Protein backbone atom coordinates (compact mmCIF):
# COMPACT_ATOMS: atom_id res chain seq x y z
CA MET A 1 84.00 140.32 50.77
CA LYS A 2 80.94 138.37 49.70
CA VAL A 3 80.17 137.90 46.54
CA THR A 4 76.91 136.54 44.99
CA VAL A 5 76.09 136.52 41.03
CA GLU A 6 72.70 136.54 39.62
CA GLU A 7 72.26 135.34 35.82
CA LEU A 8 70.37 137.87 33.95
CA SER A 9 70.07 136.25 30.42
CA PRO A 10 72.95 133.67 28.39
CA SER A 11 75.89 136.91 28.37
CA LYS A 12 74.55 139.13 31.21
CA ARG A 13 75.55 139.18 35.11
CA VAL A 14 75.19 140.99 37.79
CA LEU A 15 78.20 140.44 40.91
CA HIS A 16 76.31 141.60 44.48
CA VAL A 17 79.79 142.82 45.65
CA GLU A 18 79.41 143.60 49.46
CA LEU A 19 82.67 144.83 51.05
CA PRO A 20 83.57 144.74 55.20
CA SER A 21 82.65 147.76 56.70
CA GLU A 22 85.95 147.22 58.59
CA ARG A 23 87.77 147.13 54.91
CA VAL A 24 86.03 150.52 54.01
CA ALA A 25 86.87 152.38 57.57
CA ASP A 26 90.42 151.45 57.14
CA ARG A 27 90.52 152.63 53.29
CA LEU A 28 88.38 155.77 54.54
CA GLU A 29 90.86 156.52 57.67
CA ALA A 30 93.78 155.90 55.13
CA ALA A 31 92.32 158.70 53.51
CA PHE A 32 91.84 160.64 55.35
CA ARG A 33 95.42 160.85 56.72
CA GLU A 34 96.27 161.16 53.38
CA TRP A 35 94.04 164.87 53.45
CA GLY A 36 95.41 165.85 56.46
CA GLN A 37 99.43 165.16 55.09
CA LYS A 38 98.72 167.28 51.98
CA LEU A 39 96.15 169.48 52.45
CA GLN A 40 97.07 172.84 53.57
CA LEU A 41 94.05 176.13 55.15
CA PRO A 42 94.15 179.25 55.99
CA GLY A 43 95.35 179.95 59.61
CA PHE A 44 96.67 175.79 59.63
CA ARG A 45 100.20 174.83 58.86
CA ARG A 46 100.33 171.91 55.89
CA GLY A 47 99.30 169.06 57.67
CA ARG A 48 98.35 170.41 60.58
CA VAL A 49 94.55 171.05 59.89
CA PRO A 50 92.31 169.01 62.41
CA ARG A 51 90.23 166.00 61.04
CA GLU A 52 86.88 167.41 62.33
CA ILE A 53 87.62 170.50 60.05
CA ILE A 54 88.91 167.95 57.38
CA GLN A 55 85.70 165.53 57.44
CA ARG A 56 83.09 168.54 57.83
CA ARG A 57 84.29 170.50 54.56
CA PHE A 58 85.73 167.56 52.20
CA GLU A 59 83.81 164.87 53.05
CA SER A 60 81.99 163.99 50.04
CA GLU A 61 85.43 165.05 47.98
CA VAL A 62 87.29 161.85 50.35
CA HIS A 63 83.90 159.83 50.11
CA GLU A 64 84.06 160.22 45.86
CA GLU A 65 88.16 159.09 46.10
CA VAL A 66 87.74 156.28 48.06
CA LEU A 67 84.83 154.81 46.23
CA ARG A 68 86.88 155.38 42.91
CA ALA A 69 89.46 153.07 44.17
CA LEU A 70 87.38 150.90 46.23
CA ILE A 71 85.20 150.00 43.46
CA PRO A 72 87.69 149.09 41.00
CA ASP A 73 89.55 147.44 43.38
CA SER A 74 86.99 145.17 44.83
CA TYR A 75 85.19 144.22 41.19
CA ARG A 76 88.54 142.91 39.79
CA GLU A 77 88.57 141.10 42.88
CA ALA A 78 84.72 139.68 42.07
CA LEU A 79 85.50 138.59 38.99
CA THR A 80 88.44 136.37 40.22
CA GLN A 81 86.10 135.26 43.18
CA ALA A 82 83.28 134.54 40.45
CA ALA A 83 85.34 133.03 37.83
CA ILE A 84 83.97 135.77 35.58
CA GLU A 85 85.69 137.10 32.40
CA PRO A 86 83.35 139.80 31.08
CA VAL A 87 83.99 141.17 27.37
CA GLY A 88 83.12 144.75 27.99
CA GLN A 89 82.85 147.37 31.10
CA PRO A 90 80.81 146.88 33.73
CA ALA A 91 77.71 148.72 35.02
CA VAL A 92 78.45 149.95 38.21
CA GLU A 93 74.23 150.19 39.88
CA ASP A 94 72.91 150.95 43.52
CA VAL A 95 75.33 151.57 45.70
CA HIS A 96 75.94 151.75 49.09
CA PHE A 97 78.30 153.92 50.89
CA HIS A 98 78.17 155.26 54.06
CA ALA A 99 80.94 155.69 56.91
CA GLY A 100 80.53 152.21 59.11
CA GLU A 101 78.62 150.08 57.29
CA PRO A 102 79.42 147.60 54.27
CA LEU A 103 80.17 148.88 50.43
CA THR A 104 77.27 147.24 48.44
CA TYR A 105 76.82 148.03 44.79
CA ARG A 106 75.91 145.75 41.93
CA ALA A 107 78.38 145.24 38.59
CA VAL A 108 76.45 144.33 35.89
CA VAL A 109 78.64 142.63 33.35
CA GLU A 110 78.46 141.08 29.68
CA VAL A 111 79.69 137.80 29.18
CA LYS A 112 80.51 135.12 26.47
CA PRO A 113 77.24 132.95 26.12
CA PRO A 114 77.57 129.25 26.26
CA VAL A 115 77.95 127.37 23.10
CA THR A 116 77.23 123.81 22.20
CA VAL A 117 78.02 123.37 18.33
CA ARG A 118 75.49 121.18 16.63
CA ASP A 119 75.61 118.32 14.17
CA TYR A 120 79.04 119.97 12.23
CA ARG A 121 80.60 117.18 11.29
CA GLY A 122 78.07 115.98 8.76
CA ILE A 123 77.71 119.95 7.12
CA ALA A 124 77.84 118.83 3.41
CA LEU A 125 80.32 121.81 1.01
CA GLU A 126 81.07 121.11 -2.20
CA GLN A 127 84.92 121.03 -2.46
CA GLU A 128 85.59 122.16 -7.03
CA LYS A 129 89.34 120.80 -8.17
CA ILE A 130 91.83 123.47 -8.10
CA GLU A 131 92.75 124.72 -11.77
CA VAL A 132 94.91 127.10 -13.12
CA THR A 133 94.72 127.63 -17.32
CA ASP A 134 97.26 128.32 -19.40
CA GLN A 135 95.78 131.94 -20.00
CA GLU A 136 95.80 132.53 -16.31
CA VAL A 137 99.90 131.74 -16.21
CA GLU A 138 99.99 134.13 -18.94
CA ARG A 139 98.36 136.96 -17.92
CA ALA A 140 100.28 137.07 -14.56
CA LEU A 141 103.63 136.99 -16.11
CA GLU A 142 101.91 139.68 -18.28
CA TYR A 143 101.22 141.53 -15.23
CA LEU A 144 105.13 140.96 -13.95
CA ARG A 145 106.66 142.38 -17.09
CA GLU A 146 104.15 145.89 -16.90
CA ASP A 147 105.27 145.81 -12.80
CA ALA A 148 109.07 145.41 -14.26
CA ALA A 149 108.20 148.49 -16.83
CA GLU A 150 110.42 151.81 -16.29
CA TYR A 151 110.39 155.13 -18.06
CA VAL A 152 113.45 156.03 -19.96
CA PRO A 153 114.38 159.40 -20.88
CA MET A 154 114.46 160.56 -24.68
CA GLU A 155 115.60 162.57 -26.83
CA GLY A 156 114.04 164.31 -29.74
CA TRP A 157 110.44 162.34 -28.83
CA PRO A 158 107.54 164.34 -28.64
CA ALA A 159 105.35 163.13 -25.63
CA LEU A 160 102.45 160.95 -26.22
CA GLN A 161 100.02 159.39 -24.12
CA ASP A 162 101.29 157.24 -20.94
CA ASP A 163 104.62 159.47 -21.45
CA LEU A 164 106.16 161.12 -18.31
CA VAL A 165 107.02 164.83 -18.64
CA ILE A 166 109.22 166.34 -16.65
CA LEU A 167 108.60 170.41 -17.11
CA ASP A 168 108.53 174.12 -15.22
CA LEU A 169 105.67 175.83 -14.76
CA GLU A 170 104.39 178.71 -14.15
CA GLY A 171 100.74 180.22 -13.48
CA SER A 172 99.20 183.65 -13.46
CA LEU A 173 95.72 185.13 -13.29
CA ASN A 174 95.65 188.52 -14.96
CA GLY A 175 99.44 188.68 -15.65
CA LYS A 176 100.36 187.99 -12.04
CA PRO A 177 101.60 184.57 -9.99
CA PHE A 178 98.43 182.54 -8.07
CA LYS A 179 99.02 179.97 -5.75
CA GLY A 180 100.17 176.77 -6.50
CA ALA A 181 100.24 176.65 -9.81
CA SER A 182 104.30 176.92 -10.31
CA GLY A 183 107.03 174.62 -9.50
CA THR A 184 110.00 173.09 -11.39
CA ASN A 185 111.10 169.82 -12.40
CA LEU A 186 107.88 168.65 -11.44
CA THR A 187 106.50 165.10 -12.89
CA VAL A 188 103.22 164.92 -15.63
CA ALA A 189 102.20 161.60 -16.28
CA LEU A 190 100.24 162.08 -19.72
CA GLY A 191 96.68 160.39 -20.03
CA ARG A 192 96.35 160.54 -16.37
CA GLU A 193 93.48 161.97 -14.51
CA GLY A 194 93.93 164.15 -12.11
CA TYR A 195 95.01 167.60 -13.99
CA LEU A 196 93.02 170.58 -14.91
CA PRO A 197 90.80 169.95 -17.95
CA GLY A 198 92.91 170.65 -20.81
CA PHE A 199 96.16 170.40 -19.27
CA THR A 200 97.79 167.17 -20.63
CA GLN A 201 96.17 167.45 -23.93
CA GLN A 202 98.95 170.90 -24.34
CA ILE A 203 101.43 169.07 -23.46
CA ILE A 204 100.97 166.22 -26.15
CA GLY A 205 103.72 167.05 -28.83
CA MET A 206 106.45 168.95 -26.91
CA GLN A 207 109.82 167.87 -26.95
CA LYS A 208 112.70 168.70 -24.51
CA GLY A 209 113.29 171.97 -24.34
CA ASP A 210 110.03 173.44 -26.10
CA SER A 211 108.26 176.34 -24.13
CA LYS A 212 104.95 176.89 -24.29
CA ARG A 213 102.42 179.34 -23.57
CA PHE A 214 98.63 178.64 -23.01
CA ASP A 215 95.29 179.72 -21.72
CA LEU A 216 92.94 176.97 -19.76
CA GLN A 217 89.58 177.86 -18.43
CA ILE A 218 89.20 176.67 -14.67
CA PRO A 219 86.31 174.69 -14.15
CA ALA A 220 83.37 176.99 -12.47
CA ASP A 221 82.87 174.29 -9.99
CA SER A 222 86.30 174.51 -8.65
CA PRO A 223 87.29 174.76 -4.98
CA ARG A 224 88.69 176.95 -6.07
CA LYS A 225 86.25 180.00 -5.73
CA GLU A 226 88.45 182.71 -6.61
CA LEU A 227 89.68 180.57 -9.83
CA ALA A 228 86.45 178.94 -10.25
CA GLY A 229 84.70 179.89 -14.05
CA ARG A 230 88.53 182.34 -15.45
CA SER A 231 90.77 181.86 -17.67
CA VAL A 232 94.68 181.47 -16.89
CA GLU A 233 97.83 181.39 -18.00
CA PHE A 234 100.47 179.22 -18.41
CA ARG A 235 104.02 178.89 -19.37
CA VAL A 236 105.03 175.48 -19.30
CA THR A 237 109.07 174.81 -20.09
CA VAL A 238 109.57 170.36 -21.00
CA LYS A 239 112.80 169.46 -19.54
CA GLU A 240 113.04 165.76 -20.07
CA VAL A 241 110.65 163.40 -22.22
CA LYS A 242 110.43 159.47 -20.40
CA LYS A 243 108.51 156.67 -22.34
CA ARG A 244 107.24 153.33 -20.83
CA ARG A 245 109.72 151.00 -21.24
CA VAL A 246 108.37 147.14 -20.68
CA PRO A 247 110.75 144.45 -21.01
CA GLU A 248 110.96 141.49 -23.19
CA LEU A 249 110.03 138.32 -22.42
CA ASN A 250 112.65 135.73 -22.00
CA ASN A 251 114.99 134.15 -19.42
CA ASP A 252 117.16 137.43 -18.52
CA PHE A 253 113.63 138.74 -17.46
CA ALA A 254 112.88 135.15 -14.95
CA LYS A 255 115.74 135.85 -13.16
CA SER A 256 115.67 139.60 -12.29
CA VAL A 257 112.04 138.64 -11.37
CA GLY A 258 111.82 135.32 -10.13
CA ASP A 259 114.36 133.58 -8.55
CA VAL A 260 114.60 130.97 -11.35
CA GLU A 261 117.45 130.46 -14.28
CA THR A 262 114.20 130.27 -17.06
CA LEU A 263 111.11 131.47 -18.93
CA GLU A 264 109.69 128.57 -18.22
CA GLY A 265 110.36 128.11 -15.14
CA LEU A 266 109.24 131.15 -14.54
CA ARG A 267 105.64 130.39 -16.06
CA ASP A 268 105.93 126.68 -12.73
CA LYS A 269 106.24 129.23 -10.75
CA LEU A 270 103.15 131.61 -11.12
CA ARG A 271 101.26 128.37 -11.88
CA GLN A 272 101.92 127.01 -8.10
CA GLN A 273 101.47 130.49 -7.00
CA LEU A 274 98.19 130.54 -8.55
CA VAL A 275 97.21 126.87 -7.46
CA GLN A 276 98.11 128.47 -3.92
CA ARG A 277 96.27 131.01 -4.22
CA LYS A 278 93.14 130.02 -5.37
CA THR A 279 93.08 127.31 -2.25
CA ARG A 280 93.54 129.66 -0.22
CA GLU A 281 90.36 131.98 -1.82
CA GLN A 282 88.38 128.28 -1.74
CA ASP A 283 89.42 127.56 1.85
CA ALA A 284 88.08 130.90 3.06
CA SER A 285 84.74 130.67 0.64
CA LEU A 286 84.16 127.41 2.19
CA LYS A 287 85.08 128.84 5.64
CA ARG A 288 82.37 131.03 5.14
CA ALA A 289 79.72 129.15 3.69
CA LEU A 290 80.27 126.75 6.86
CA VAL A 291 79.83 129.36 9.51
CA GLU A 292 77.25 130.46 7.08
CA LYS A 293 75.30 127.32 7.35
CA LEU A 294 76.26 126.96 11.83
CA ILE A 295 75.06 130.75 12.48
CA GLN A 296 71.48 129.58 10.13
CA GLN A 297 71.26 126.19 12.67
CA HIS A 298 71.94 128.20 15.92
CA GLU A 299 70.68 130.94 18.04
CA ILE A 300 73.37 133.01 19.74
CA GLU A 301 73.00 135.80 22.02
CA THR A 302 75.28 138.44 20.66
CA PRO A 303 76.66 140.53 23.91
CA GLU A 304 76.63 144.30 22.79
CA ALA A 305 80.40 145.16 24.13
CA MET A 306 82.00 142.41 21.61
CA VAL A 307 79.23 143.77 19.13
CA GLU A 308 80.01 147.16 19.49
CA ARG A 309 83.59 146.56 19.89
CA GLU A 310 83.40 144.72 15.91
CA ALA A 311 81.57 147.68 14.11
CA ALA A 312 83.99 149.99 15.19
CA ALA A 313 86.70 147.60 14.29
CA VAL A 314 84.46 147.50 10.19
CA LEU A 315 83.99 151.26 10.21
CA GLU A 316 87.72 151.61 10.60
CA GLU A 317 88.15 149.25 8.11
CA LEU A 318 85.83 151.32 6.19
CA ALA A 319 87.46 154.84 6.57
CA MET A 320 91.80 153.01 6.12
CA THR A 321 90.05 151.54 2.25
CA LEU A 322 88.68 155.08 1.93
CA ARG A 323 91.85 156.38 2.31
CA ALA A 324 93.86 154.48 0.10
CA THR A 325 91.66 154.34 -2.34
CA GLY A 326 90.67 158.84 -2.87
CA GLY A 327 87.76 158.43 -0.42
CA ARG A 328 85.67 156.29 -3.86
CA MET A 329 84.53 152.71 -2.62
CA GLN A 330 81.65 151.48 -5.10
CA GLY A 331 78.50 151.01 -3.40
CA LEU A 332 78.90 152.24 -0.01
CA PRO A 333 75.54 153.86 1.47
CA ASP A 334 75.90 157.73 1.88
CA ASP A 335 73.19 158.49 5.06
CA PRO A 336 76.10 157.83 7.70
CA GLU A 337 73.33 156.61 10.17
CA LEU A 338 72.37 153.18 7.19
CA LEU A 339 76.19 153.02 7.54
CA LYS A 340 76.47 152.50 10.77
CA THR A 341 73.59 150.08 10.52
CA LYS A 342 75.39 147.84 8.20
CA ALA A 343 78.37 147.89 10.55
CA ARG A 344 76.54 146.51 13.59
CA GLU A 345 75.12 144.14 10.84
CA THR A 346 78.50 143.12 9.90
CA GLY A 347 79.70 143.19 13.46
CA VAL A 348 77.20 141.03 14.89
CA ARG A 349 77.57 138.17 12.41
CA ARG A 350 81.31 138.38 13.30
CA VAL A 351 80.55 138.06 16.69
CA LYS A 352 78.40 134.93 16.24
CA GLU A 353 80.96 132.92 14.21
CA SER A 354 83.74 134.25 16.13
CA LEU A 355 81.55 132.44 19.40
CA LEU A 356 81.01 129.44 16.75
CA LEU A 357 84.48 129.08 15.78
CA GLU A 358 85.76 128.56 19.47
CA ALA A 359 82.88 126.83 20.93
CA VAL A 360 83.92 124.14 17.60
CA ALA A 361 88.14 124.73 18.83
CA LYS A 362 87.01 123.63 22.78
CA GLN A 363 84.55 120.72 21.55
CA GLU A 364 87.83 119.35 19.08
CA GLN A 365 89.87 120.06 21.70
CA LEU A 366 92.33 122.70 19.90
CA THR A 367 94.83 124.46 21.32
CA VAL A 368 97.20 127.42 20.35
CA SER A 369 101.01 125.88 21.93
CA GLU A 370 103.54 128.18 22.66
CA GLU A 371 105.64 127.81 19.65
CA GLU A 372 102.92 128.54 17.24
CA MET A 373 102.01 131.81 19.93
CA ALA A 374 105.66 133.14 19.15
CA ALA A 375 106.05 132.71 16.05
CA GLU A 376 102.85 135.05 15.05
CA ILE A 377 103.88 137.39 17.77
CA ASN A 378 107.29 137.56 16.05
CA ALA A 379 105.50 138.31 13.09
CA LEU A 380 102.88 141.04 14.27
CA ALA A 381 106.31 142.57 15.86
CA GLY A 382 107.69 141.96 11.81
CA LEU A 383 104.69 143.90 10.75
CA TYR A 384 104.41 146.79 12.59
CA ARG A 385 107.78 147.56 13.11
CA GLN A 386 107.96 147.05 16.88
CA GLU A 387 109.85 144.95 19.40
CA PRO A 388 108.81 141.24 20.21
CA ALA A 389 108.68 142.57 23.53
CA ALA A 390 106.08 145.06 23.06
CA VAL A 391 103.85 142.82 20.80
CA ARG A 392 103.94 140.67 24.43
CA ARG A 393 103.08 143.45 26.34
CA ALA A 394 99.79 144.50 24.58
CA LEU A 395 98.79 140.40 24.79
CA GLU A 396 98.84 141.21 28.23
CA ASP A 397 95.38 142.83 27.45
CA PRO A 398 92.63 139.29 28.15
CA ALA A 399 90.95 140.41 25.24
CA ARG A 400 93.60 140.70 22.67
CA ARG A 401 95.09 137.69 23.74
CA ALA A 402 91.60 135.58 23.11
CA GLY A 403 91.18 137.59 19.51
CA LEU A 404 94.55 136.42 18.68
CA THR A 405 94.30 133.07 20.07
CA GLU A 406 90.73 132.27 18.22
CA ARG A 407 92.31 133.83 14.67
CA LEU A 408 95.27 130.86 14.97
CA LEU A 409 92.63 128.86 16.36
CA GLU A 410 90.76 128.84 12.37
């Protein structure tokens, strides 16, 4: 097989591929034999249709099948022969395919452009001293205390703001129950959003065993069109009132949450964790500053396939965030096209960052050891609840393995 490479740009190559006519003829012959064995036409038994009839009636289909096999196979061979690692799918053009002649085509592929990072050792970055104040430690301690709070059932105690109330509910419109307005042992958090306007206010002051009837006006903009703007009746029976109880700050609390013996030991542990967190944040900030300076200093051509993948990843990350926050996110553009533009801009920056850091790693002769890769594979397997072997199979994809290697090198 003959392969020549043409460079269109730093990140784009054209593979000119030519398969010898003998190889094409052999594949065509094999395809016609396969069709002859499986084809059944009126007047002929299966496997007995003459070759000339198959060729006359199904030549285009056989040729298409052969092309679908020969082009991918020869393309992979051409990549190996030319020592090219593509970053996306090829664009196959100018296919010349006729019986008795060589198969020729062009495959336009994108590759990572060569990058030489200059003067990165001399870039000055300001690193601040990491300090943790007593106030920060106390805030972290209070957060732990609030997080450990429990809701405790109370007898003879009226429901107040921030309490949990267990109740039975019946809702009706014109004396008839309506869907979604009734239930038993429902938990209502007083003071939280998400309930019908005025509903939780009606519960405040009720005690265990109390029952109450009240009417509420459904908002006119309610998605329940059959209820919008109408008055509905509710009957509520309180089954239980629970108060939020925050644990005391003492040695017992410290033992329960911090694997330490004393409250002072917990404070020391929290201080260490805050130092570690601030160190990670500063390292990430310094890395962003370094990469930003490198991007400004270097002109880098970004392969479109890499940009599209990163832009798609940005949109997927955004979708996950929106799902986690119930669709709320500050600063999010309303225009979908503007959102795609922003995602693409982020994608371009991520690709430049990846190419620059990969180049620095090569220049510094940094590598990822087998032990480091194995440890990361085991960590990913635990994170996604898979067997390590399944993660290794996924990393047989060169692009995925390269991405993981780049992340470990950072």
